[in-house]
Amino acid sequence: MLGDENNNDLIDLTSIDRAKCALLVIDELGDPAGTPLEPVLLPAIQQTAKLTKAARAAGMPVIFTNDAHLPGIDRELALWGAHGIAGTPEAQTSPLLDPQPSDYVVEKRRYSGFFQTGLLLLLNELDVDTLICCGMDTNICVKHTVADAYFNNFNIVVVGDATATFLVGNQEEGLEYMKVCYAAKVVDTNEAVKLIEG
């Protein structure tokens, strides 16, 4: 039957080529003191820190897609108010993730990290075919980025406990949607670290 529990088995983690993986961190932003913009997001950011550390140690690309809105013209600001304004501390990667010069940062003005950005070109140049995704909000920027990843034929792994929602909908429903509609393999941080480390 369509949409049954077997959808999460479309990707076999043991068959993934680690050399073709990248860790994609979506909108995990924070102020210079390291405090998340919303306290409810702290547990997911702490889990993501484990992923970024493991990926760097394994030589796996770490890519941050960060809001970089332009005041006065970005349509998203009319819906959500001022947030993630380009060039402000609140539009930078959370210091809790210890960003490094070797990491990649892709600025975005819409929900999806792919929409009119250089992300697809970067992934092609890095010879990536599998994305290990985490971030927030689960039901907005993560979902839309994962959708475009699916449309562009990437294998998708979503790290559920390194992903969080606080604006729209329910965390479990958001993860289930990506599993059913975009063939995402939903795992926890421990499973993702094992994949990253090989």
Protein backbone atom coordinates (compact mmCIF):
# COMPACT_ATOMS: atom_id res chain seq x y z
CA MET A 1 0.00 0.00 0.00
CA LEU A 2 1.23 3.50 -0.77
CA GLY A 3 2.66 5.36 2.19
CA ASP A 4 3.16 2.32 4.41
CA GLU A 5 5.94 1.92 6.94
CA ASN A 6 8.28 0.36 4.37
CA ASN A 7 8.95 3.77 2.80
CA ASN A 8 11.73 4.33 5.31
CA ASP A 9 13.51 1.30 3.89
CA LEU A 10 13.99 2.76 0.40
CA ILE A 11 17.52 3.79 1.38
CA ASP A 12 19.87 1.15 2.71
CA LEU A 13 22.40 2.92 4.92
CA THR A 14 24.95 0.17 4.36
CA SER A 15 24.96 0.84 0.61
CA ILE A 16 25.65 4.57 0.88
CA ASP A 17 29.04 5.70 -0.41
CA ARG A 18 30.41 7.93 2.37
CA ALA A 19 32.74 9.60 -0.12
CA LYS A 20 29.64 10.99 -1.87
CA CYS A 21 27.89 12.30 1.26
CA ALA A 22 27.61 15.81 2.64
CA LEU A 23 26.17 17.07 5.91
CA LEU A 24 23.58 19.77 5.15
CA VAL A 25 22.66 21.99 8.11
CA ILE A 26 19.61 24.16 7.47
CA ASP A 27 19.08 27.44 9.36
CA GLU A 28 20.78 26.53 12.62
CA LEU A 29 21.44 30.13 13.51
CA GLY A 30 22.27 31.96 16.70
CA ASP A 31 23.54 35.11 18.28
CA PRO A 32 27.25 35.72 19.02
CA ALA A 33 26.89 34.40 22.56
CA GLY A 34 25.82 31.04 21.17
CA THR A 35 22.26 31.25 22.44
CA PRO A 36 19.78 29.78 19.94
CA LEU A 37 17.25 32.23 18.62
CA GLU A 38 14.55 30.05 20.20
CA PRO A 39 15.43 28.05 23.36
CA VAL A 40 13.34 25.09 22.21
CA LEU A 41 15.91 24.58 19.43
CA LEU A 42 18.88 24.05 21.73
CA PRO A 43 18.63 20.22 21.95
CA ALA A 44 18.63 19.90 18.15
CA ILE A 45 21.60 22.25 17.83
CA GLN A 46 23.50 20.24 20.44
CA GLN A 47 22.85 17.07 18.44
CA THR A 48 23.94 18.81 15.26
CA ALA A 49 27.23 19.77 16.93
CA LYS A 50 27.98 16.05 17.23
CA LEU A 51 27.29 15.65 13.52
CA THR A 52 29.48 18.56 12.42
CA LYS A 53 32.34 17.33 14.58
CA ALA A 54 32.08 13.80 13.17
CA ALA A 55 31.77 15.01 9.57
CA ARG A 56 34.84 17.23 9.80
CA ALA A 57 36.86 14.42 11.36
CA ALA A 58 35.80 12.12 8.53
CA GLY A 59 36.60 14.68 5.83
CA MET A 60 32.93 14.94 4.84
CA PRO A 61 31.76 18.33 3.54
CA VAL A 62 29.77 20.40 6.05
CA ILE A 63 27.39 22.82 4.35
CA PHE A 64 25.30 25.44 6.12
CA THR A 65 22.32 26.96 4.33
CA ASN A 66 21.53 30.17 6.19
CA ASP A 67 18.79 32.75 5.87
CA ALA A 68 20.12 35.98 4.40
CA HIS A 69 17.05 38.12 3.79
CA LEU A 70 17.06 41.57 2.23
CA PRO A 71 14.92 44.01 4.20
CA GLY A 72 12.11 45.72 2.34
CA ILE A 73 11.92 43.30 -0.58
CA ASP A 74 11.99 39.66 0.56
CA ARG A 75 8.44 38.29 0.46
CA GLU A 76 9.16 35.90 3.31
CA LEU A 77 9.56 38.84 5.68
CA ALA A 78 5.96 39.88 5.08
CA LEU A 79 4.84 36.50 6.43
CA TRP A 80 7.23 36.07 9.35
CA GLY A 81 8.50 39.52 10.20
CA ALA A 82 12.13 40.56 10.28
CA HIS A 83 14.47 37.60 10.81
CA GLY A 84 17.73 36.32 9.37
CA ILE A 85 18.59 39.66 7.83
CA ALA A 86 21.72 39.39 5.67
CA GLY A 87 24.84 40.54 7.44
CA THR A 88 23.44 40.46 10.97
CA PRO A 89 24.70 38.14 13.74
CA GLU A 90 21.30 36.42 13.76
CA ALA A 91 21.86 35.27 10.18
CA GLN A 92 25.12 33.49 10.98
CA THR A 93 25.72 29.84 11.79
CA SER A 94 25.24 29.11 15.48
CA PRO A 95 28.56 29.38 17.35
CA LEU A 96 27.55 26.16 19.12
CA LEU A 97 28.34 24.40 15.84
CA ASP A 98 31.91 25.71 15.88
CA PRO A 99 31.93 26.82 12.22
CA GLN A 100 35.28 26.28 10.51
CA PRO A 101 36.96 27.81 7.46
CA SER A 102 36.66 24.44 5.73
CA ASP A 103 32.84 24.54 5.97
CA TYR A 104 30.67 25.88 3.18
CA VAL A 105 27.97 28.53 3.68
CA VAL A 106 25.15 28.99 1.17
CA GLU A 107 22.99 32.04 1.79
CA LYS A 108 19.31 31.77 0.91
CA ARG A 109 16.38 34.16 0.67
CA ARG A 110 13.60 31.58 0.52
CA TYR A 111 12.75 28.44 2.48
CA SER A 112 14.65 26.01 0.26
CA GLY A 113 18.43 25.94 0.31
CA PHE A 114 18.28 25.14 -3.42
CA PHE A 115 16.03 27.94 -4.65
CA GLN A 116 18.13 30.41 -6.69
CA THR A 117 21.30 29.66 -4.70
CA GLY A 118 24.58 27.99 -5.58
CA LEU A 119 23.83 24.84 -3.55
CA LEU A 120 23.19 22.49 -6.46
CA LEU A 121 26.35 23.61 -8.25
CA LEU A 122 28.36 23.16 -5.05
CA LEU A 123 27.01 19.64 -4.50
CA ASN A 124 27.77 18.71 -8.11
CA GLU A 125 31.33 20.05 -7.79
CA LEU A 126 31.78 18.05 -4.57
CA ASP A 127 30.44 14.93 -6.36
CA VAL A 128 27.75 14.45 -3.69
CA ASP A 129 24.79 12.12 -4.21
CA THR A 130 23.58 11.74 -0.59
CA LEU A 131 22.61 14.49 1.84
CA ILE A 132 22.53 14.01 5.60
CA CYS A 133 20.10 16.77 6.57
CA CYS A 134 19.25 18.49 9.83
CA GLY A 135 18.00 21.88 10.90
CA MET A 136 14.90 23.91 11.45
CA ASP A 137 12.09 24.56 11.07
CA THR A 138 11.22 20.93 10.24
CA ASN A 139 8.00 21.86 8.46
CA ILE A 140 9.29 24.90 6.60
CA CYS A 141 12.93 25.27 5.52
CA VAL A 142 13.93 21.66 6.15
CA LYS A 143 10.91 20.26 4.32
CA HIS A 144 11.32 22.55 1.32
CA THR A 145 15.07 21.91 1.07
CA VAL A 146 14.50 18.16 1.30
CA ALA A 147 11.80 18.42 -1.37
CA ASP A 148 14.23 20.08 -3.78
CA ALA A 149 16.90 17.54 -2.88
CA TYR A 150 14.47 14.79 -3.85
CA PHE A 151 13.49 16.59 -7.07
CA ASN A 152 17.20 16.79 -7.93
CA ASN A 153 17.70 13.03 -7.39
CA PHE A 154 19.72 13.08 -4.16
CA ASN A 155 19.51 10.31 -1.60
CA ILE A 156 18.23 11.90 1.62
CA VAL A 157 18.90 11.06 5.25
CA VAL A 158 17.13 13.25 7.82
CA VAL A 159 18.47 13.27 11.37
CA GLY A 160 15.27 13.55 13.38
CA ASP A 161 16.67 14.59 16.75
CA ALA A 162 18.94 17.20 15.11
CA THR A 163 15.89 18.71 13.43
CA ALA A 164 13.27 20.80 15.21
CA THR A 165 10.04 22.66 14.67
CA PHE A 166 8.72 25.67 16.55
CA LEU A 167 6.66 27.63 14.03
CA VAL A 168 4.36 25.32 12.08
CA GLY A 169 2.92 21.87 12.62
CA ASN A 170 4.16 18.83 14.45
CA GLN A 171 7.68 17.39 14.49
CA GLU A 172 6.63 13.76 14.04
CA GLU A 173 4.25 14.58 11.20
CA GLY A 174 6.92 16.63 9.45
CA LEU A 175 9.43 13.79 9.59
CA GLU A 176 6.81 11.31 8.42
CA TYR A 177 5.93 13.54 5.48
CA MET A 178 9.54 13.65 4.31
CA LYS A 179 9.81 9.91 4.73
CA VAL A 180 6.68 9.15 2.73
CA CYS A 181 6.83 11.87 0.07
CA TYR A 182 10.58 12.31 -0.46
CA ALA A 183 11.93 8.84 0.35
CA ALA A 184 13.97 10.27 3.22
CA LYS A 185 15.57 7.83 5.62
CA VAL A 186 14.86 9.18 9.12
CA VAL A 187 17.55 8.32 11.68
CA ASP A 188 18.78 9.61 15.02
CA THR A 189 22.12 11.28 15.69
CA ASN A 190 23.83 8.08 16.83
CA GLU A 191 22.87 6.33 13.59
CA ALA A 192 23.99 9.31 11.53
CA VAL A 193 27.36 9.47 13.29
CA LYS A 194 27.89 5.78 12.55
CA LEU A 195 27.13 6.45 8.88
CA ILE A 196 29.52 9.41 8.82
CA GLU A 197 32.33 7.52 10.55
CA GLY A 198 31.85 4.39 8.49
